[in-house]
Amino acid sequence: MQEEIYRAIAGAIEQGQPVVLATVARTRGSTPRKTGAKMVVRQDGTFFGTIGGGCGEAEVWQEAMATFADGRPRVVTVDLTQPTDGEDQICGGLMDVFVERLG
């Protein structure tokens, strides 16, 4: 999967299309993906790869779109210790995800 991520990034940059790369930088406790997991978000909102799915991935996607707007890298802490919106499926951990614009 990592090789496919890098190919997607290279292809977008070659076509002059910026992307945002979200990388799990640190995990604590039980998380759906581990350090190094990556997701590429395109400017139209589509994405490739995964950092775990669900509400946490949606939160990172929103920050990726903000990074398109302002160009600033950021670290997003995804808290998977509390259920949200009635969901009772939680992992019980935390993920720090580094979000940066490329191209």
N, C-alpha and C. Protein backbone atom coordinates (compact mmCIF):
# COMPACT_ATOMS: atom_id res chain seq x y z
N MET A 1 0.83 -1.20 0.00
CA MET A 1 0.00 0.00 0.00
C MET A 1 0.87 1.25 0.00
N GLN A 2 1.97 1.25 0.75
CA GLN A 2 2.83 2.44 0.80
C GLN A 2 3.32 2.82 -0.59
N GLU A 3 3.70 1.82 -1.39
CA GLU A 3 4.20 2.12 -2.73
C GLU A 3 3.11 2.77 -3.58
N GLU A 4 1.86 2.30 -3.44
CA GLU A 4 0.75 2.88 -4.17
C GLU A 4 0.49 4.33 -3.73
N ILE A 5 0.67 4.60 -2.45
CA ILE A 5 0.51 5.96 -1.93
C ILE A 5 1.52 6.89 -2.60
N TYR A 6 2.78 6.45 -2.63
CA TYR A 6 3.83 7.29 -3.22
C TYR A 6 3.61 7.48 -4.72
N ARG A 7 3.10 6.47 -5.40
CA ARG A 7 2.79 6.62 -6.83
C ARG A 7 1.67 7.63 -7.04
N ALA A 8 0.67 7.59 -6.18
CA ALA A 8 -0.45 8.54 -6.28
C ALA A 8 0.04 9.97 -6.07
N ILE A 9 0.93 10.15 -5.10
CA ILE A 9 1.50 11.47 -4.83
C ILE A 9 2.30 11.96 -6.04
N ALA A 10 3.19 11.10 -6.54
CA ALA A 10 4.04 11.47 -7.67
C ALA A 10 3.20 11.81 -8.90
N GLY A 11 2.16 11.01 -9.16
CA GLY A 11 1.30 11.26 -10.32
C GLY A 11 0.59 12.60 -10.22
N ALA A 12 0.09 12.90 -9.04
CA ALA A 12 -0.62 14.18 -8.85
C ALA A 12 0.34 15.35 -9.03
N ILE A 13 1.51 15.27 -8.45
CA ILE A 13 2.48 16.36 -8.54
C ILE A 13 2.93 16.56 -9.99
N GLU A 14 3.14 15.44 -10.70
CA GLU A 14 3.53 15.53 -12.11
C GLU A 14 2.46 16.24 -12.94
N GLN A 15 1.19 16.11 -12.55
CA GLN A 15 0.09 16.75 -13.25
C GLN A 15 -0.19 18.15 -12.72
N GLY A 16 0.65 18.62 -11.78
CA GLY A 16 0.48 19.96 -11.23
C GLY A 16 -0.66 20.09 -10.24
N GLN A 17 -1.08 18.96 -9.68
CA GLN A 17 -2.18 18.97 -8.71
C GLN A 17 -1.63 18.76 -7.31
N PRO A 18 -1.81 19.72 -6.42
CA PRO A 18 -1.34 19.53 -5.04
C PRO A 18 -2.18 18.47 -4.34
N VAL A 19 -1.58 17.83 -3.36
CA VAL A 19 -2.28 16.87 -2.51
C VAL A 19 -1.90 17.16 -1.07
N VAL A 20 -2.69 16.64 -0.16
CA VAL A 20 -2.35 16.70 1.25
C VAL A 20 -2.09 15.27 1.70
N LEU A 21 -0.96 15.09 2.37
CA LEU A 21 -0.58 13.79 2.90
C LEU A 21 -0.82 13.79 4.40
N ALA A 22 -1.59 12.81 4.86
CA ALA A 22 -1.84 12.63 6.29
C ALA A 22 -1.13 11.35 6.72
N THR A 23 -0.25 11.46 7.71
CA THR A 23 0.54 10.32 8.17
C THR A 23 0.35 10.15 9.67
N VAL A 24 0.03 8.93 10.09
CA VAL A 24 -0.06 8.65 11.52
C VAL A 24 1.36 8.74 12.07
N ALA A 25 1.58 9.74 12.94
CA ALA A 25 2.91 9.99 13.48
C ALA A 25 3.14 9.28 14.81
N ARG A 26 2.06 9.09 15.58
CA ARG A 26 2.21 8.45 16.89
C ARG A 26 0.87 7.87 17.31
N THR A 27 0.92 6.72 17.96
CA THR A 27 -0.29 6.13 18.52
C THR A 27 -0.06 5.80 19.98
N ARG A 28 -1.17 5.83 20.73
CA ARG A 28 -1.15 5.41 22.12
C ARG A 28 -2.41 4.59 22.35
N GLY A 29 -2.25 3.42 22.93
CA GLY A 29 -3.40 2.56 23.14
C GLY A 29 -3.79 1.84 21.86
N SER A 30 -5.01 1.36 21.83
CA SER A 30 -5.52 0.60 20.70
C SER A 30 -6.04 1.54 19.62
N THR A 31 -5.49 1.42 18.41
CA THR A 31 -5.90 2.25 17.29
C THR A 31 -6.08 1.37 16.05
N PRO A 32 -6.90 1.81 15.09
CA PRO A 32 -7.15 0.98 13.91
C PRO A 32 -5.94 0.84 13.00
N ARG A 33 -5.08 1.84 12.97
CA ARG A 33 -3.85 1.79 12.16
C ARG A 33 -2.70 2.24 13.04
N LYS A 34 -1.52 1.89 12.64
CA LYS A 34 -0.33 2.19 13.44
C LYS A 34 0.51 3.28 12.79
N THR A 35 1.56 3.68 13.48
CA THR A 35 2.47 4.72 12.99
C THR A 35 2.92 4.40 11.57
N GLY A 36 2.88 5.42 10.72
CA GLY A 36 3.30 5.27 9.33
C GLY A 36 2.15 5.12 8.35
N ALA A 37 0.95 4.80 8.83
CA ALA A 37 -0.20 4.69 7.93
C ALA A 37 -0.44 6.03 7.26
N LYS A 38 -0.84 6.00 5.99
CA LYS A 38 -0.95 7.23 5.21
C LYS A 38 -2.27 7.30 4.45
N MET A 39 -2.70 8.54 4.24
CA MET A 39 -3.87 8.84 3.42
C MET A 39 -3.53 10.08 2.59
N VAL A 40 -3.82 10.04 1.30
CA VAL A 40 -3.61 11.16 0.40
C VAL A 40 -4.97 11.77 0.09
N VAL A 41 -5.10 13.08 0.30
CA VAL A 41 -6.35 13.78 0.02
C VAL A 41 -6.11 14.71 -1.16
N ARG A 42 -6.99 14.59 -2.16
CA ARG A 42 -6.91 15.46 -3.33
C ARG A 42 -7.73 16.73 -3.10
N GLN A 43 -7.47 17.74 -3.88
CA GLN A 43 -8.12 19.03 -3.70
C GLN A 43 -9.64 18.95 -3.90
N ASP A 44 -10.11 17.98 -4.67
CA ASP A 44 -11.55 17.83 -4.87
C ASP A 44 -12.22 17.06 -3.73
N GLY A 45 -11.43 16.67 -2.72
CA GLY A 45 -11.97 15.98 -1.56
C GLY A 45 -11.88 14.47 -1.62
N THR A 46 -11.58 13.92 -2.79
CA THR A 46 -11.41 12.48 -2.86
C THR A 46 -10.10 12.11 -2.19
N PHE A 47 -9.98 10.86 -1.77
CA PHE A 47 -8.76 10.45 -1.08
C PHE A 47 -8.39 9.02 -1.43
N PHE A 48 -7.16 8.68 -1.11
CA PHE A 48 -6.59 7.37 -1.38
C PHE A 48 -5.84 6.92 -0.15
N GLY A 49 -5.98 5.67 0.22
CA GLY A 49 -5.33 5.15 1.42
C GLY A 49 -6.24 5.37 2.62
N THR A 50 -5.75 4.96 3.79
CA THR A 50 -6.57 5.11 5.00
C THR A 50 -5.69 5.24 6.24
N ILE A 51 -6.21 5.98 7.18
CA ILE A 51 -5.56 6.05 8.49
C ILE A 51 -6.44 5.41 9.56
N GLY A 52 -7.53 4.74 9.10
CA GLY A 52 -8.34 4.01 10.06
C GLY A 52 -9.82 4.06 9.85
N GLY A 53 -10.31 4.97 9.05
CA GLY A 53 -11.74 5.04 8.78
C GLY A 53 -12.53 5.75 9.86
N GLY A 54 -13.81 5.80 9.65
CA GLY A 54 -14.74 6.34 10.63
C GLY A 54 -14.60 7.82 10.92
N CYS A 55 -15.06 8.19 12.12
CA CYS A 55 -15.07 9.60 12.53
C CYS A 55 -13.67 10.19 12.60
N GLY A 56 -12.69 9.41 13.04
CA GLY A 56 -11.32 9.91 13.14
C GLY A 56 -10.76 10.28 11.78
N GLU A 57 -11.01 9.43 10.80
CA GLU A 57 -10.54 9.74 9.45
C GLU A 57 -11.27 10.96 8.89
N ALA A 58 -12.55 11.09 9.19
CA ALA A 58 -13.31 12.26 8.74
C ALA A 58 -12.75 13.54 9.36
N GLU A 59 -12.35 13.46 10.62
CA GLU A 59 -11.76 14.63 11.29
C GLU A 59 -10.45 15.04 10.60
N VAL A 60 -9.63 14.06 10.27
CA VAL A 60 -8.36 14.34 9.59
C VAL A 60 -8.64 14.87 8.18
N TRP A 61 -9.64 14.33 7.50
CA TRP A 61 -10.00 14.82 6.16
C TRP A 61 -10.36 16.30 6.23
N GLN A 62 -11.14 16.69 7.24
CA GLN A 62 -11.51 18.11 7.39
C GLN A 62 -10.27 18.98 7.57
N GLU A 63 -9.32 18.52 8.37
CA GLU A 63 -8.08 19.28 8.57
C GLU A 63 -7.25 19.31 7.29
N ALA A 64 -7.31 18.24 6.50
CA ALA A 64 -6.60 18.22 5.21
C ALA A 64 -7.17 19.28 4.29
N MET A 65 -8.48 19.43 4.27
CA MET A 65 -9.10 20.45 3.43
C MET A 65 -8.70 21.85 3.92
N ALA A 66 -8.58 22.03 5.23
CA ALA A 66 -8.12 23.31 5.78
C ALA A 66 -6.68 23.57 5.37
N THR A 67 -5.87 22.52 5.29
CA THR A 67 -4.48 22.67 4.87
C THR A 67 -4.41 23.09 3.41
N PHE A 68 -5.33 22.62 2.57
CA PHE A 68 -5.39 23.12 1.19
C PHE A 68 -5.62 24.63 1.20
N ALA A 69 -6.49 25.08 2.07
CA ALA A 69 -6.87 26.50 2.11
C ALA A 69 -5.74 27.39 2.60
N ASP A 70 -5.04 26.97 3.66
CA ASP A 70 -4.04 27.87 4.25
C ASP A 70 -2.59 27.42 4.05
N GLY A 71 -2.38 26.22 3.54
CA GLY A 71 -1.03 25.74 3.27
C GLY A 71 -0.22 25.34 4.49
N ARG A 72 -0.81 25.48 5.68
CA ARG A 72 -0.07 25.20 6.92
C ARG A 72 -0.13 23.73 7.31
N PRO A 73 1.03 23.13 7.59
CA PRO A 73 1.00 21.76 8.13
C PRO A 73 0.45 21.81 9.55
N ARG A 74 -0.07 20.69 10.01
CA ARG A 74 -0.62 20.62 11.36
C ARG A 74 -0.58 19.19 11.88
N VAL A 75 -0.70 19.06 13.17
CA VAL A 75 -0.84 17.76 13.81
C VAL A 75 -2.26 17.68 14.36
N VAL A 76 -2.96 16.63 14.00
CA VAL A 76 -4.33 16.41 14.46
C VAL A 76 -4.30 15.24 15.44
N THR A 77 -4.80 15.46 16.64
CA THR A 77 -4.90 14.37 17.61
C THR A 77 -6.30 13.80 17.53
N VAL A 78 -6.38 12.53 17.16
CA VAL A 78 -7.65 11.84 17.03
C VAL A 78 -7.86 11.02 18.30
N ASP A 79 -8.92 11.34 19.03
CA ASP A 79 -9.24 10.67 20.29
C ASP A 79 -10.25 9.57 20.03
N LEU A 80 -9.81 8.33 20.17
CA LEU A 80 -10.68 7.18 19.94
C LEU A 80 -11.09 6.52 21.25
N THR A 81 -11.05 7.29 22.33
CA THR A 81 -11.36 6.73 23.65
C THR A 81 -12.81 6.91 24.05
N GLN A 82 -13.52 7.80 23.38
CA GLN A 82 -14.92 8.08 23.74
C GLN A 82 -15.82 7.84 22.55
N PRO A 83 -16.97 7.20 22.75
CA PRO A 83 -17.91 7.04 21.64
C PRO A 83 -18.47 8.39 21.22
N THR A 84 -18.77 8.54 19.93
CA THR A 84 -19.35 9.78 19.43
C THR A 84 -20.67 9.48 18.74
N ASP A 85 -21.61 10.37 18.87
CA ASP A 85 -22.90 10.28 18.18
C ASP A 85 -23.55 8.91 18.31
N GLY A 86 -23.54 8.36 19.51
CA GLY A 86 -24.21 7.09 19.76
C GLY A 86 -23.45 5.86 19.35
N GLU A 87 -22.28 6.02 18.78
CA GLU A 87 -21.48 4.87 18.38
C GLU A 87 -20.88 4.22 19.61
N ASP A 88 -20.97 2.90 19.70
CA ASP A 88 -20.37 2.22 20.84
C ASP A 88 -19.13 1.44 20.45
N GLN A 89 -18.73 1.54 19.18
CA GLN A 89 -17.52 0.88 18.73
C GLN A 89 -16.35 1.86 18.80
N ILE A 90 -15.53 1.70 19.83
CA ILE A 90 -14.38 2.57 19.99
C ILE A 90 -13.13 1.72 20.12
N CYS A 91 -12.00 2.27 19.73
CA CYS A 91 -10.74 1.54 19.79
C CYS A 91 -10.08 1.69 21.16
N GLY A 92 -10.21 2.86 21.74
CA GLY A 92 -9.63 3.08 23.06
C GLY A 92 -8.29 3.76 23.07
N GLY A 93 -7.82 4.28 21.94
CA GLY A 93 -6.51 4.91 21.89
C GLY A 93 -6.54 6.31 21.32
N LEU A 94 -5.34 6.83 21.11
CA LEU A 94 -5.15 8.16 20.53
C LEU A 94 -4.19 8.05 19.36
N MET A 95 -4.41 8.86 18.33
CA MET A 95 -3.50 8.93 17.19
C MET A 95 -3.15 10.38 16.93
N ASP A 96 -1.86 10.67 16.77
CA ASP A 96 -1.42 11.97 16.29
C ASP A 96 -1.13 11.81 14.80
N VAL A 97 -1.78 12.65 13.99
CA VAL A 97 -1.66 12.54 12.54
C VAL A 97 -1.07 13.84 12.00
N PHE A 98 0.06 13.73 11.30
CA PHE A 98 0.72 14.90 10.70
C PHE A 98 0.11 15.10 9.32
N VAL A 99 -0.36 16.32 9.07
CA VAL A 99 -1.04 16.68 7.82
C VAL A 99 -0.22 17.77 7.13
N GLU A 100 0.18 17.50 5.86
CA GLU A 100 1.01 18.46 5.14
C GLU A 100 0.62 18.51 3.66
N ARG A 101 0.73 19.69 3.09
CA ARG A 101 0.45 19.90 1.67
C ARG A 101 1.72 19.61 0.86
N LEU A 102 1.54 18.90 -0.26
CA LEU A 102 2.66 18.59 -1.16
C LEU A 102 2.31 19.09 -2.55
N GLY A 103 3.32 19.58 -3.25
CA GLY A 103 3.13 20.00 -4.63
C GLY A 103 2.69 21.42 -4.80
